Amino acid sequence: MKSTLTLFAAALALTLSFGAAAQNTRDYHMDVYDAGCKTCHDQGMKRFPSDDACLQCHSMEEVAKQTERHGEEARQNPHDSMHYGKEAPCQECHGEHTAKKALCQECHNFDYPKFK
């Protein structure tokens, strides 16, 4: 009986810690967290959100404009790249609950100081 209670308590603590950790990763998305996980997890909780879920709040045109570069770096815009245009899947670079590396940095050493 004691081992069953211990196992149950450990499972409960682990479950609660995943939910708490997920909500503490991105301060700028706190309003979305308050609305519930399914706001973004439109394909189910065990799958990444679709690009459509991201684009409910983020305009690809606006994001591309915000990350626009000039001069020698003009072609280094991660949201309007020479390889993917404006079609790179959001989840290839951005992770809400885990840190990710920008897709461009698999082959290039571009510096994206504001990358999150």
N, C-alpha and C. Protein backbone atom coordinates (compact mmCIF):
# COMPACT_ATOMS: atom_id res chain seq x y z
N MET A 1 0.83 -1.20 0.00
CA MET A 1 0.00 0.00 0.00
C MET A 1 0.87 1.26 0.00
N LYS A 2 1.91 1.24 0.86
CA LYS A 2 2.78 2.41 0.95
C LYS A 2 3.49 2.67 -0.39
N SER A 3 3.94 1.61 -1.06
CA SER A 3 4.62 1.79 -2.34
C SER A 3 3.67 2.30 -3.42
N THR A 4 2.39 1.90 -3.35
CA THR A 4 1.39 2.37 -4.30
C THR A 4 1.15 3.87 -4.11
N LEU A 5 1.05 4.31 -2.86
CA LEU A 5 0.86 5.74 -2.59
C LEU A 5 2.08 6.55 -3.02
N THR A 6 3.26 6.02 -2.77
CA THR A 6 4.49 6.70 -3.17
C THR A 6 4.55 6.84 -4.69
N LEU A 7 4.21 5.76 -5.40
CA LEU A 7 4.21 5.79 -6.86
C LEU A 7 3.19 6.79 -7.39
N PHE A 8 2.00 6.81 -6.79
CA PHE A 8 0.95 7.75 -7.19
C PHE A 8 1.40 9.19 -6.96
N ALA A 9 2.00 9.45 -5.80
CA ALA A 9 2.46 10.80 -5.47
C ALA A 9 3.55 11.25 -6.45
N ALA A 10 4.46 10.34 -6.80
CA ALA A 10 5.53 10.68 -7.73
C ALA A 10 4.95 10.98 -9.12
N ALA A 11 4.00 10.18 -9.57
CA ALA A 11 3.38 10.40 -10.87
C ALA A 11 2.63 11.73 -10.90
N LEU A 12 1.92 12.04 -9.83
CA LEU A 12 1.19 13.30 -9.75
C LEU A 12 2.15 14.50 -9.76
N ALA A 13 3.22 14.42 -9.02
CA ALA A 13 4.20 15.50 -8.98
C ALA A 13 4.85 15.70 -10.35
N LEU A 14 5.15 14.61 -11.03
CA LEU A 14 5.75 14.71 -12.36
C LEU A 14 4.78 15.35 -13.34
N THR A 15 3.53 14.96 -13.31
CA THR A 15 2.51 15.53 -14.19
C THR A 15 2.35 17.02 -13.94
N LEU A 16 2.26 17.42 -12.70
CA LEU A 16 2.10 18.84 -12.36
C LEU A 16 3.32 19.65 -12.75
N SER A 17 4.51 19.07 -12.60
CA SER A 17 5.72 19.81 -12.93
C SER A 17 5.83 20.08 -14.42
N PHE A 18 5.36 19.14 -15.28
CA PHE A 18 5.38 19.39 -16.72
C PHE A 18 4.48 20.57 -17.07
N GLY A 19 3.30 20.65 -16.51
CA GLY A 19 2.39 21.76 -16.79
C GLY A 19 2.95 23.08 -16.31
N ALA A 20 3.53 23.09 -15.14
CA ALA A 20 4.10 24.32 -14.59
C ALA A 20 5.30 24.76 -15.40
N ALA A 21 6.15 23.82 -15.79
CA ALA A 21 7.34 24.17 -16.57
C ALA A 21 6.95 24.74 -17.92
N ALA A 22 5.93 24.16 -18.54
CA ALA A 22 5.49 24.63 -19.85
C ALA A 22 5.03 26.08 -19.78
N GLN A 23 4.33 26.44 -18.74
CA GLN A 23 3.80 27.79 -18.64
C GLN A 23 4.85 28.82 -18.29
N ASN A 24 5.95 28.44 -17.77
CA ASN A 24 6.95 29.41 -17.34
C ASN A 24 8.02 29.69 -18.38
N THR A 25 7.90 29.15 -19.59
CA THR A 25 8.98 29.29 -20.54
C THR A 25 8.94 30.56 -21.37
N ARG A 26 7.78 31.10 -21.68
CA ARG A 26 7.68 32.27 -22.55
C ARG A 26 6.75 33.31 -21.93
N ASP A 27 7.33 34.30 -21.29
CA ASP A 27 6.53 35.33 -20.63
C ASP A 27 5.59 36.06 -21.57
N TYR A 28 6.01 36.27 -22.82
CA TYR A 28 5.20 37.03 -23.76
C TYR A 28 3.99 36.25 -24.26
N HIS A 29 3.87 34.98 -23.90
CA HIS A 29 2.69 34.19 -24.29
C HIS A 29 1.78 33.89 -23.10
N MET A 30 1.95 34.59 -22.00
CA MET A 30 1.16 34.30 -20.79
C MET A 30 -0.35 34.40 -21.05
N ASP A 31 -0.79 35.36 -21.87
CA ASP A 31 -2.22 35.48 -22.18
C ASP A 31 -2.74 34.23 -22.88
N VAL A 32 -1.91 33.66 -23.74
CA VAL A 32 -2.31 32.44 -24.45
C VAL A 32 -2.39 31.27 -23.48
N TYR A 33 -1.42 31.18 -22.55
CA TYR A 33 -1.46 30.10 -21.56
C TYR A 33 -2.75 30.18 -20.74
N ASP A 34 -3.14 31.39 -20.39
CA ASP A 34 -4.36 31.56 -19.60
C ASP A 34 -5.59 31.09 -20.36
N ALA A 35 -5.56 31.16 -21.69
CA ALA A 35 -6.69 30.71 -22.51
C ALA A 35 -6.74 29.20 -22.62
N GLY A 36 -5.66 28.50 -22.29
CA GLY A 36 -5.64 27.05 -22.34
C GLY A 36 -4.73 26.51 -23.41
N CYS A 37 -4.19 25.34 -23.17
CA CYS A 37 -3.21 24.71 -24.07
C CYS A 37 -3.77 24.48 -25.46
N LYS A 38 -5.04 24.15 -25.56
CA LYS A 38 -5.63 23.83 -26.86
C LYS A 38 -5.74 25.07 -27.76
N THR A 39 -5.50 26.24 -27.21
CA THR A 39 -5.47 27.45 -28.03
C THR A 39 -4.42 27.30 -29.13
N CYS A 40 -3.28 26.74 -28.78
CA CYS A 40 -2.21 26.53 -29.76
C CYS A 40 -2.14 25.08 -30.23
N HIS A 41 -2.36 24.15 -29.33
CA HIS A 41 -2.26 22.73 -29.67
C HIS A 41 -3.52 22.28 -30.42
N ASP A 42 -3.67 22.80 -31.63
CA ASP A 42 -4.84 22.51 -32.46
C ASP A 42 -4.83 21.12 -33.06
N GLN A 43 -3.70 20.42 -32.98
CA GLN A 43 -3.59 19.06 -33.51
C GLN A 43 -3.55 18.02 -32.40
N GLY A 44 -3.87 18.43 -31.19
CA GLY A 44 -3.82 17.54 -30.04
C GLY A 44 -2.62 17.86 -29.17
N MET A 45 -2.70 17.44 -27.93
CA MET A 45 -1.67 17.79 -26.95
C MET A 45 -0.34 17.06 -27.17
N LYS A 46 -0.35 15.97 -27.90
CA LYS A 46 0.88 15.22 -28.11
C LYS A 46 1.57 15.59 -29.43
N ARG A 47 1.08 16.62 -30.09
CA ARG A 47 1.67 17.06 -31.36
C ARG A 47 2.01 18.54 -31.28
N PHE A 48 2.93 18.95 -32.14
CA PHE A 48 3.27 20.37 -32.22
C PHE A 48 2.08 21.13 -32.79
N PRO A 49 1.93 22.39 -32.42
CA PRO A 49 0.90 23.22 -33.05
C PRO A 49 1.16 23.36 -34.55
N SER A 50 0.11 23.54 -35.30
CA SER A 50 0.26 23.77 -36.74
C SER A 50 0.71 25.21 -36.96
N ASP A 51 1.19 25.48 -38.16
CA ASP A 51 1.53 26.87 -38.51
C ASP A 51 0.30 27.75 -38.44
N ASP A 52 -0.86 27.20 -38.78
CA ASP A 52 -2.11 27.99 -38.70
C ASP A 52 -2.36 28.47 -37.28
N ALA A 53 -2.00 27.65 -36.28
CA ALA A 53 -2.18 28.07 -34.88
C ALA A 53 -1.29 29.28 -34.58
N CYS A 54 -0.06 29.26 -35.06
CA CYS A 54 0.86 30.39 -34.84
C CYS A 54 0.36 31.64 -35.56
N LEU A 55 -0.15 31.42 -36.78
CA LEU A 55 -0.56 32.55 -37.62
C LEU A 55 -1.90 33.15 -37.20
N GLN A 56 -2.55 32.56 -36.20
CA GLN A 56 -3.74 33.19 -35.63
C GLN A 56 -3.36 34.51 -34.96
N CYS A 57 -2.16 34.56 -34.41
CA CYS A 57 -1.70 35.75 -33.69
C CYS A 57 -0.55 36.47 -34.38
N HIS A 58 0.25 35.73 -35.13
CA HIS A 58 1.44 36.30 -35.76
C HIS A 58 1.25 36.39 -37.27
N SER A 59 1.45 37.55 -37.84
CA SER A 59 1.37 37.75 -39.28
C SER A 59 2.74 37.47 -39.88
N MET A 60 2.81 36.54 -40.84
CA MET A 60 4.09 36.23 -41.46
C MET A 60 4.69 37.45 -42.14
N GLU A 61 3.86 38.27 -42.75
CA GLU A 61 4.36 39.50 -43.39
C GLU A 61 5.01 40.42 -42.35
N GLU A 62 4.37 40.57 -41.20
CA GLU A 62 4.90 41.44 -40.15
C GLU A 62 6.18 40.86 -39.54
N VAL A 63 6.19 39.54 -39.30
CA VAL A 63 7.39 38.90 -38.75
C VAL A 63 8.56 39.03 -39.73
N ALA A 64 8.30 38.81 -41.01
CA ALA A 64 9.35 38.95 -42.02
C ALA A 64 9.88 40.38 -42.06
N LYS A 65 8.99 41.33 -41.91
CA LYS A 65 9.40 42.74 -41.90
C LYS A 65 10.25 43.05 -40.65
N GLN A 66 9.86 42.50 -39.51
CA GLN A 66 10.60 42.73 -38.26
C GLN A 66 12.00 42.14 -38.30
N THR A 67 12.19 41.05 -39.04
CA THR A 67 13.50 40.39 -39.07
C THR A 67 14.28 40.72 -40.34
N GLU A 68 13.81 41.70 -41.08
CA GLU A 68 14.48 42.14 -42.31
C GLU A 68 15.87 42.66 -41.98
N ARG A 69 16.82 42.34 -42.83
CA ARG A 69 18.20 42.80 -42.67
C ARG A 69 18.60 43.59 -43.90
N HIS A 70 19.67 44.34 -43.78
CA HIS A 70 20.12 45.22 -44.86
C HIS A 70 21.59 45.00 -45.16
N GLY A 71 22.03 45.54 -46.28
CA GLY A 71 23.44 45.44 -46.65
C GLY A 71 23.85 44.02 -46.96
N GLU A 72 25.03 43.63 -46.49
CA GLU A 72 25.55 42.28 -46.75
C GLU A 72 24.68 41.19 -46.12
N GLU A 73 23.89 41.54 -45.12
CA GLU A 73 23.05 40.55 -44.43
C GLU A 73 21.62 40.50 -44.98
N ALA A 74 21.34 41.18 -46.07
CA ALA A 74 19.98 41.30 -46.59
C ALA A 74 19.33 39.95 -46.88
N ARG A 75 20.10 38.95 -47.26
CA ARG A 75 19.53 37.64 -47.59
C ARG A 75 19.45 36.72 -46.38
N GLN A 76 19.73 37.22 -45.19
CA GLN A 76 19.75 36.41 -43.98
C GLN A 76 18.46 36.53 -43.17
N ASN A 77 17.36 36.87 -43.79
CA ASN A 77 16.10 37.00 -43.07
C ASN A 77 15.52 35.59 -42.85
N PRO A 78 15.44 35.13 -41.62
CA PRO A 78 14.95 33.78 -41.37
C PRO A 78 13.48 33.59 -41.72
N HIS A 79 12.72 34.67 -41.80
CA HIS A 79 11.29 34.57 -42.10
C HIS A 79 10.97 34.90 -43.55
N ASP A 80 12.00 35.13 -44.35
CA ASP A 80 11.86 35.33 -45.79
C ASP A 80 13.20 34.95 -46.41
N SER A 81 13.53 33.67 -46.31
CA SER A 81 14.86 33.21 -46.72
C SER A 81 14.92 32.84 -48.18
N MET A 82 16.13 32.77 -48.69
CA MET A 82 16.31 32.38 -50.09
C MET A 82 16.03 30.89 -50.30
N HIS A 83 16.02 30.10 -49.23
CA HIS A 83 15.73 28.67 -49.36
C HIS A 83 14.24 28.37 -49.22
N TYR A 84 13.59 28.97 -48.25
CA TYR A 84 12.20 28.64 -47.92
C TYR A 84 11.21 29.77 -48.18
N GLY A 85 11.70 30.94 -48.52
CA GLY A 85 10.80 32.08 -48.65
C GLY A 85 10.14 32.33 -47.30
N LYS A 86 8.83 32.45 -47.32
CA LYS A 86 8.06 32.65 -46.08
C LYS A 86 7.34 31.38 -45.68
N GLU A 87 7.83 30.23 -46.16
CA GLU A 87 7.13 28.96 -45.99
C GLU A 87 7.78 27.99 -45.00
N ALA A 88 8.85 28.37 -44.33
CA ALA A 88 9.49 27.45 -43.38
C ALA A 88 8.51 27.20 -42.22
N PRO A 89 8.31 25.95 -41.84
CA PRO A 89 7.40 25.66 -40.72
C PRO A 89 7.89 26.31 -39.43
N CYS A 90 7.00 26.93 -38.71
CA CYS A 90 7.36 27.65 -37.48
C CYS A 90 8.11 26.76 -36.49
N GLN A 91 7.64 25.52 -36.33
CA GLN A 91 8.21 24.61 -35.34
C GLN A 91 9.60 24.11 -35.70
N GLU A 92 10.06 24.37 -36.93
CA GLU A 92 11.42 23.99 -37.30
C GLU A 92 12.44 24.82 -36.53
N CYS A 93 12.07 26.03 -36.15
CA CYS A 93 13.00 26.91 -35.44
C CYS A 93 12.53 27.25 -34.03
N HIS A 94 11.23 27.41 -33.87
CA HIS A 94 10.70 27.90 -32.60
C HIS A 94 10.10 26.77 -31.78
N GLY A 95 10.49 26.73 -30.51
CA GLY A 95 9.92 25.77 -29.57
C GLY A 95 9.37 26.53 -28.39
N GLU A 96 8.13 26.30 -28.09
CA GLU A 96 7.50 27.02 -26.98
C GLU A 96 8.01 26.52 -25.63
N HIS A 97 8.14 25.23 -25.49
CA HIS A 97 8.47 24.66 -24.19
C HIS A 97 9.90 24.15 -24.10
N THR A 98 10.61 24.14 -25.20
CA THR A 98 12.01 23.73 -25.22
C THR A 98 12.78 24.66 -26.15
N ALA A 99 14.00 24.91 -25.83
CA ALA A 99 14.83 25.77 -26.68
C ALA A 99 15.15 25.04 -27.97
N LYS A 100 15.19 25.76 -29.06
CA LYS A 100 15.55 25.19 -30.36
C LYS A 100 16.61 26.05 -31.01
N LYS A 101 17.21 25.50 -32.04
CA LYS A 101 18.22 26.18 -32.83
C LYS A 101 17.56 26.58 -34.15
N ALA A 102 17.84 27.76 -34.62
CA ALA A 102 17.27 28.21 -35.89
C ALA A 102 17.70 27.27 -37.01
N LEU A 103 16.76 26.92 -37.88
CA LEU A 103 17.01 26.01 -39.00
C LEU A 103 18.20 26.46 -39.84
N CYS A 104 18.33 27.77 -40.05
CA CYS A 104 19.43 28.33 -40.85
C CYS A 104 20.79 27.96 -40.26
N GLN A 105 20.84 27.84 -38.95
CA GLN A 105 22.10 27.59 -38.27
C GLN A 105 22.55 26.14 -38.37
N GLU A 106 21.77 25.31 -39.03
CA GLU A 106 22.23 23.95 -39.31
C GLU A 106 23.40 24.00 -40.29
N CYS A 107 23.36 24.97 -41.21
CA CYS A 107 24.41 25.08 -42.23
C CYS A 107 25.17 26.40 -42.18
N HIS A 108 24.53 27.46 -41.69
CA HIS A 108 25.11 28.80 -41.68
C HIS A 108 25.45 29.22 -40.25
N ASN A 109 26.29 30.21 -40.12
CA ASN A 109 26.61 30.76 -38.80
C ASN A 109 26.07 32.17 -38.62
N PHE A 110 24.88 32.43 -39.17
CA PHE A 110 24.25 33.73 -39.02
C PHE A 110 24.00 34.00 -37.53
N ASP A 111 24.10 35.25 -37.15
CA ASP A 111 23.84 35.65 -35.77
C ASP A 111 22.44 36.22 -35.67
N TYR A 112 21.59 35.59 -34.88
CA TYR A 112 20.24 36.08 -34.64
C TYR A 112 20.13 36.39 -33.14
N PRO A 113 20.57 37.57 -32.72
CA PRO A 113 20.62 37.89 -31.29
C PRO A 113 19.26 37.91 -30.60
N LYS A 114 18.17 38.14 -31.32
CA LYS A 114 16.85 38.18 -30.69
C LYS A 114 16.10 36.86 -30.82
N PHE A 115 16.77 35.81 -31.31
CA PHE A 115 16.12 34.52 -31.52
C PHE A 115 15.63 33.93 -30.20
N LYS A 116 14.36 33.48 -30.20
CA LYS A 116 13.76 32.85 -29.01
C LYS A 116 13.12 31.55 -29.42
